[in-house]
């Protein structure tokens, strides 16, 4: 492949990426048309996905394909748990529940981590590079809409304290993608899994969109 793999994967998944980020739920969330309960429920769903990603990190650290991507400065589970304590209280674990789409998403991440490390890379890329990019828009909107302290509790998931220069880090991450230990056929499979990852995200947004409507004070359905 003459075109860098990081470019190929970005271009090939652009349509699915756009569909996910312009979903009704995300548009309403970023537009300030939803109550903080909707943001809380979204944060809960992220916790299930990132546990699947990061619980597998230890076993994949030495893997020739996925290993280079296992970077602790990216880990988000602890920050998500701190946010959920702020949003739901000390007993937050008692009430969290994965939506069906979230459970399917997390299960696929776990499956890739266990059986196909290159597929895990696809999910790693779609999540963490998104957090460092568009995730910052969500943080800013959340701070202004619901009054969270800037980069404080409630939005710490979006704050990468161990990454001093996000732009430089993203460049380095793309270089890792360009050097991924995979042949052209496997790279195409990674691209396909990346598209699938965005589809999983879109499914989660659709289920959240069915549960929440603009200006609601909470879920419209249980």
Protein backbone atom coordinates (compact mmCIF):
# COMPACT_ATOMS: atom_id res chain seq x y z
CA UNK A 1 0.00 0.00 0.00
CA UNK A 2 1.47 3.34 -1.08
CA UNK A 3 -1.04 5.34 0.96
CA UNK A 4 -0.28 5.34 4.71
CA UNK A 5 -2.49 2.88 6.56
CA UNK A 6 -3.61 5.60 8.99
CA UNK A 7 -4.99 7.53 6.01
CA UNK A 8 -6.66 4.47 4.51
CA UNK A 9 -8.43 3.56 7.74
CA UNK A 10 -9.59 7.15 8.31
CA UNK A 11 -10.93 7.59 4.79
CA UNK A 12 -12.54 4.15 4.58
CA UNK A 13 -14.45 4.61 7.86
CA UNK A 14 -15.46 8.23 7.25
CA UNK A 15 -19.07 7.44 6.36
CA UNK A 16 -19.68 5.28 9.44
CA UNK A 17 -17.85 7.82 11.60
CA UNK A 18 -20.05 10.65 10.34
CA UNK A 19 -23.24 8.64 10.83
CA UNK A 20 -22.31 7.92 14.45
CA UNK A 21 -21.29 11.43 15.42
CA UNK A 22 -24.34 13.04 13.76
CA UNK A 23 -26.87 10.71 15.38
CA UNK A 24 -30.00 12.26 16.86
CA UNK A 25 -28.85 11.51 20.39
CA UNK A 26 -25.40 13.05 19.97
CA UNK A 27 -26.83 16.06 18.13
CA UNK A 28 -29.31 16.66 20.97
CA UNK A 29 -26.62 16.13 23.59
CA UNK A 30 -24.20 18.57 21.98
CA UNK A 31 -27.03 20.99 21.30
CA UNK A 32 -27.84 21.24 24.99
CA UNK A 33 -31.33 19.81 24.48
CA UNK A 34 -30.95 16.93 26.94
CA UNK A 35 -30.85 16.82 30.72
CA UNK A 36 -27.76 15.73 32.60
CA UNK A 37 -29.37 12.31 33.12
CA UNK A 38 -28.81 11.57 29.44
CA UNK A 39 -25.14 12.51 29.72
CA UNK A 40 -24.87 10.28 32.79
CA UNK A 41 -26.40 7.32 30.98
CA UNK A 42 -24.01 7.82 28.08
CA UNK A 43 -21.08 7.88 30.51
CA UNK A 44 -22.30 4.61 32.01
CA UNK A 45 -22.28 2.96 28.58
CA UNK A 46 -18.71 4.12 27.97
CA UNK A 47 -17.65 2.43 31.21
CA UNK A 48 -18.68 -0.99 29.90
CA UNK A 49 -16.79 -0.49 26.63
CA UNK A 50 -13.60 0.78 28.23
CA UNK A 51 -13.55 -2.00 30.78
CA UNK A 52 -13.58 -4.43 27.85
CA UNK A 53 -10.74 -2.55 26.18
CA UNK A 54 -8.58 -2.14 29.25
CA UNK A 55 -9.20 -5.43 31.03
CA UNK A 56 -7.50 -7.04 28.04
CA UNK A 57 -4.54 -4.67 27.98
CA UNK A 58 -2.33 -6.75 30.24
CA UNK A 59 -2.58 -9.91 28.15
CA UNK A 60 -2.02 -8.00 24.90
CA UNK A 61 0.95 -5.94 26.03
CA UNK A 62 3.46 -8.36 24.49
CA UNK A 63 1.43 -9.13 21.39
CA UNK A 64 3.32 -8.20 18.20
CA UNK A 65 0.27 -6.54 16.64
CA UNK A 66 -1.68 -5.00 19.51
CA UNK A 67 1.18 -4.58 21.98
CA UNK A 68 2.54 -1.24 20.66
CA UNK A 69 -0.89 0.33 21.14
CA UNK A 70 -1.17 -0.55 24.83
CA UNK A 71 -0.24 2.78 26.39
CA UNK A 72 -1.33 3.40 30.00
CA UNK A 73 -1.59 7.16 29.49
CA UNK A 74 -4.66 6.46 27.39
CA UNK A 75 -6.51 4.34 29.96
CA UNK A 76 -9.93 5.76 30.85
CA UNK A 77 -11.63 3.33 33.24
CA UNK A 78 -10.45 5.03 36.44
CA UNK A 79 -11.54 8.43 35.13
CA UNK A 80 -14.93 7.07 34.10
CA UNK A 81 -15.44 5.63 37.58
CA UNK A 82 -14.54 8.97 39.16
CA UNK A 83 -17.03 10.70 36.87
CA UNK A 84 -19.75 8.19 37.72
CA UNK A 85 -19.20 8.69 41.45
CA UNK A 86 -19.73 12.40 40.85
CA UNK A 87 -22.77 11.89 38.63
CA UNK A 88 -24.51 9.07 40.50
CA UNK A 89 -23.02 9.01 43.97
CA UNK A 90 -20.85 6.59 45.93
CA UNK A 91 -23.11 3.61 45.19
CA UNK A 92 -23.12 4.24 41.44
CA UNK A 93 -22.31 0.61 40.63
CA UNK A 94 -25.68 -0.51 41.98
CA UNK A 95 -27.59 1.23 39.19
CA UNK A 96 -25.49 0.94 36.06
CA UNK A 97 -26.76 -1.31 33.30
CA UNK A 98 -25.47 -1.87 29.80
CA UNK A 99 -27.92 -1.27 27.00
CA UNK A 100 -28.27 -4.26 24.64
CA UNK A 101 -26.20 -2.44 22.01
CA UNK A 102 -23.53 -1.66 24.59
CA UNK A 103 -23.37 -5.26 25.73
CA UNK A 104 -22.92 -6.39 22.12
CA UNK A 105 -20.21 -3.77 21.58
CA UNK A 106 -18.27 -4.76 24.70
CA UNK A 107 -18.63 -8.44 23.84
CA UNK A 108 -17.11 -7.83 20.40
CA UNK A 109 -14.17 -5.95 21.91
CA UNK A 110 -13.60 -8.83 24.34
CA UNK A 111 -13.82 -11.36 21.51
CA UNK A 112 -11.25 -9.50 19.42
CA UNK A 113 -8.93 -9.13 22.41
CA UNK A 114 -9.15 -12.87 23.04
CA UNK A 115 -9.00 -14.22 19.49
CA UNK A 116 -7.87 -11.51 17.07
CA UNK A 117 -5.49 -8.78 18.34
CA UNK A 118 -5.57 -6.95 15.00
CA UNK A 119 -9.32 -6.52 15.42
CA UNK A 120 -8.71 -5.17 18.90
CA UNK A 121 -6.49 -2.50 17.31
CA UNK A 122 -9.46 -1.37 15.21
CA UNK A 123 -11.56 -0.80 18.33
CA UNK A 124 -8.65 0.81 20.15
CA UNK A 125 -8.19 3.28 17.31
CA UNK A 126 -11.84 4.26 16.98
CA UNK A 127 -12.22 4.88 20.70
CA UNK A 128 -9.01 6.52 21.89
CA UNK A 129 -8.25 8.71 18.90
CA UNK A 130 -11.86 9.85 19.02
CA UNK A 131 -11.51 10.72 22.71
CA UNK A 132 -8.50 12.87 21.98
CA UNK A 133 -10.28 14.63 19.13
CA UNK A 134 -14.07 14.95 19.07
CA UNK A 135 -14.28 13.97 22.72
CA UNK A 136 -12.97 17.40 23.62
CA UNK A 137 -16.02 18.97 22.00
CA UNK A 138 -18.25 16.83 24.21
CA UNK A 139 -16.29 17.90 27.30
CA UNK A 140 -16.61 21.58 26.44
CA UNK A 141 -20.36 21.27 25.79
CA UNK A 142 -20.89 19.33 29.01
CA UNK A 143 -19.05 21.94 31.06
CA UNK A 144 -21.08 24.77 29.59
CA UNK A 145 -24.45 22.97 29.54
CA UNK A 146 -24.47 21.35 32.97
CA UNK A 147 -21.97 23.48 34.85
CA UNK A 148 -19.20 20.95 35.43
CA UNK A 149 -15.91 22.40 36.63
CA UNK A 150 -13.53 22.76 33.69
CA UNK A 151 -11.74 19.43 33.29
CA UNK A 152 -13.16 18.41 36.67
CA UNK A 153 -15.35 15.66 38.08
CA UNK A 154 -18.03 14.63 35.63
CA UNK A 155 -15.84 15.14 32.56
CA UNK A 156 -12.51 13.65 33.64
CA UNK A 157 -12.98 10.89 31.07
CA UNK A 158 -12.10 13.46 28.42
CA UNK A 159 -9.02 14.80 30.22
CA UNK A 160 -5.73 13.07 29.42
CA UNK A 161 -3.51 14.43 32.15
CA UNK A 162 -0.54 12.28 31.14
CA UNK A 163 -0.57 13.50 27.54
CA UNK A 164 0.98 16.96 27.46
CA UNK A 165 0.70 17.42 23.70
CA UNK A 166 -2.36 15.67 22.25
CA UNK A 167 -1.55 16.70 18.67
CA UNK A 168 1.92 15.17 18.88
CA UNK A 169 0.53 12.06 20.56
CA UNK A 170 -2.01 11.58 17.76
CA UNK A 171 0.74 11.91 15.18
CA UNK A 172 2.71 9.23 16.99
CA UNK A 173 -0.38 7.01 17.17
CA UNK A 174 -0.93 7.33 13.42
CA UNK A 175 2.70 6.35 12.89
CA UNK A 176 2.03 3.19 14.92
CA UNK A 177 -0.90 2.44 12.63
CA UNK A 178 1.30 2.95 9.58
CA UNK A 179 3.77 0.45 11.02
CA UNK A 180 1.21 -2.10 12.26
CA UNK A 181 2.49 -5.68 12.02
CA UNK A 182 0.00 -6.88 9.40
CA UNK A 183 -0.03 -7.69 5.70
CA UNK A 184 -2.32 -5.96 3.23
CA UNK A 185 -5.10 -8.51 3.61
CA UNK A 186 -5.04 -8.20 7.38
CA UNK A 187 -5.01 -4.41 7.11
CA UNK A 188 -8.20 -4.59 5.08
CA UNK A 189 -9.74 -6.75 7.80
CA UNK A 190 -8.73 -4.11 10.35
CA UNK A 191 -10.43 -1.44 8.24
CA UNK A 192 -13.59 -3.54 8.07
CA UNK A 193 -13.53 -3.99 11.85
CA UNK A 194 -13.07 -0.27 12.28
CA UNK A 195 -16.25 0.30 10.29
CA UNK A 196 -17.95 -2.27 12.48
CA UNK A 197 -16.77 -0.44 15.58
CA UNK A 198 -18.42 2.76 14.39
CA UNK A 199 -21.58 0.78 13.66
CA UNK A 200 -21.54 -0.46 17.27
CA UNK A 201 -21.24 3.13 18.43
CA UNK A 202 -24.13 4.12 16.21
CA UNK A 203 -26.28 1.36 17.66
CA UNK A 204 -25.60 2.60 21.19
CA UNK A 205 -26.55 6.13 20.16
CA UNK A 206 -29.78 4.89 18.58
CA UNK A 207 -30.80 3.10 21.77
CA UNK A 208 -29.94 6.16 23.84
CA UNK A 209 -31.91 8.29 21.39
CA UNK A 210 -34.95 6.05 21.88
CA UNK A 211 -34.68 6.46 25.63
CA UNK A 212 -34.19 10.23 25.75
CA UNK A 213 -35.87 13.15 24.08
CA UNK A 214 -34.96 16.86 24.02
CA UNK A 215 -35.65 18.71 27.26
CA UNK A 216 -36.53 15.51 29.09
CA UNK A 217 -35.68 15.25 32.76
CA UNK A 218 -34.84 11.58 32.48
CA UNK A 219 -35.42 8.45 30.43
CA UNK A 220 -38.71 8.19 28.57
CA UNK A 221 -38.55 4.42 28.80
CA UNK A 222 -37.13 2.15 31.44
